[in-house]
Amino acid sequence: MNVYLQRYLGLDERREYESPAGLPTLRALERDYILFLLDVTARNRAEVSRILDISRSTLYHKIHRYDIERES
């Protein structure tokens, strides 16, 4: 795994990613980045949506799609 991505996104190096090359999928990267942003913003969803330049409703859909609520 790319060390830069690992450090930048705070990815777990022991995690198995489902892709042929052993690299994280775009969905895995997006999910991990949303988790990271929720952590560094103290779960401030309005701030996370501003950082991602998406609406809050889109962020809520992504949180639901990736089942992030249960992890935090």
Protein backbone atom coordinates (compact mmCIF):
# COMPACT_ATOMS: atom_id res chain seq x y z
CA MET A 1 0.00 0.00 0.00
CA ASN A 2 1.14 3.51 -0.75
CA VAL A 3 2.64 4.94 2.46
CA TYR A 4 1.54 8.46 1.52
CA LEU A 5 -2.11 7.41 1.23
CA GLN A 6 -1.81 5.43 4.41
CA ARG A 7 -0.53 8.42 6.40
CA TYR A 8 -2.71 11.02 4.70
CA LEU A 9 -5.95 9.12 5.13
CA GLY A 10 -5.02 7.30 8.33
CA LEU A 11 -5.65 3.91 6.76
CA ASP A 12 -5.05 0.76 8.73
CA GLU A 13 -2.17 -1.09 7.10
CA ARG A 14 -3.48 -4.43 8.35
CA ARG A 15 -6.86 -3.96 6.64
CA GLU A 16 -7.57 -6.09 3.59
CA TYR A 17 -8.96 -4.12 0.67
CA GLU A 18 -11.00 -5.76 -2.04
CA SER A 19 -9.27 -4.95 -5.29
CA PRO A 20 -7.11 -6.93 -7.68
CA ALA A 21 -3.96 -4.92 -7.02
CA GLY A 22 -4.40 -4.92 -3.23
CA LEU A 23 -5.08 -1.18 -3.24
CA PRO A 24 -8.12 0.40 -1.63
CA THR A 25 -11.17 0.99 -3.76
CA LEU A 26 -12.57 4.49 -4.24
CA ARG A 27 -15.44 3.56 -1.93
CA ALA A 28 -13.02 2.43 0.78
CA LEU A 29 -11.02 5.64 0.44
CA GLU A 30 -14.16 7.79 0.58
CA ARG A 31 -15.48 5.94 3.62
CA ASP A 32 -12.16 6.16 5.45
CA TYR A 33 -11.81 9.86 4.60
CA ILE A 34 -15.31 10.63 5.90
CA LEU A 35 -14.50 8.75 9.12
CA PHE A 36 -11.24 10.70 9.40
CA LEU A 37 -12.99 14.05 8.89
CA LEU A 38 -15.70 13.21 11.40
CA ASP A 39 -12.99 12.41 13.90
CA VAL A 40 -10.93 15.58 13.39
CA THR A 41 -14.02 17.83 13.38
CA ALA A 42 -15.46 16.29 16.55
CA ARG A 43 -18.31 14.83 14.45
CA ASN A 44 -19.32 18.25 13.09
CA ARG A 45 -21.23 17.15 10.01
CA ALA A 46 -21.76 20.69 8.74
CA GLU A 47 -17.99 21.25 8.78
CA VAL A 48 -17.33 17.90 7.09
CA SER A 49 -19.80 18.73 4.32
CA ARG A 50 -18.08 22.11 3.82
CA ILE A 51 -14.67 20.45 3.62
CA LEU A 52 -15.97 17.92 1.08
CA ASP A 53 -17.93 20.61 -0.79
CA ILE A 54 -21.11 18.53 -0.70
CA SER A 55 -24.52 19.19 0.81
CA ARG A 56 -25.26 17.94 4.30
CA SER A 57 -27.96 15.67 2.90
CA THR A 58 -25.40 14.07 0.56
CA LEU A 59 -23.09 13.56 3.52
CA TYR A 60 -25.93 11.93 5.49
CA HIS A 61 -26.59 9.59 2.57
CA LYS A 62 -22.92 8.61 2.44
CA ILE A 63 -22.82 8.06 6.21
CA HIS A 64 -25.85 5.81 5.90
CA ARG A 65 -24.51 4.00 2.78
CA TYR A 66 -21.18 3.23 4.44
CA ASP A 67 -22.82 2.35 7.78
CA ILE A 68 -20.56 4.85 9.52
CA GLU A 69 -22.98 5.57 12.37
CA ARG A 70 -22.32 2.18 13.93
CA GLU A 71 -18.53 2.63 13.87
CA SER A 72 -18.30 5.93 15.68
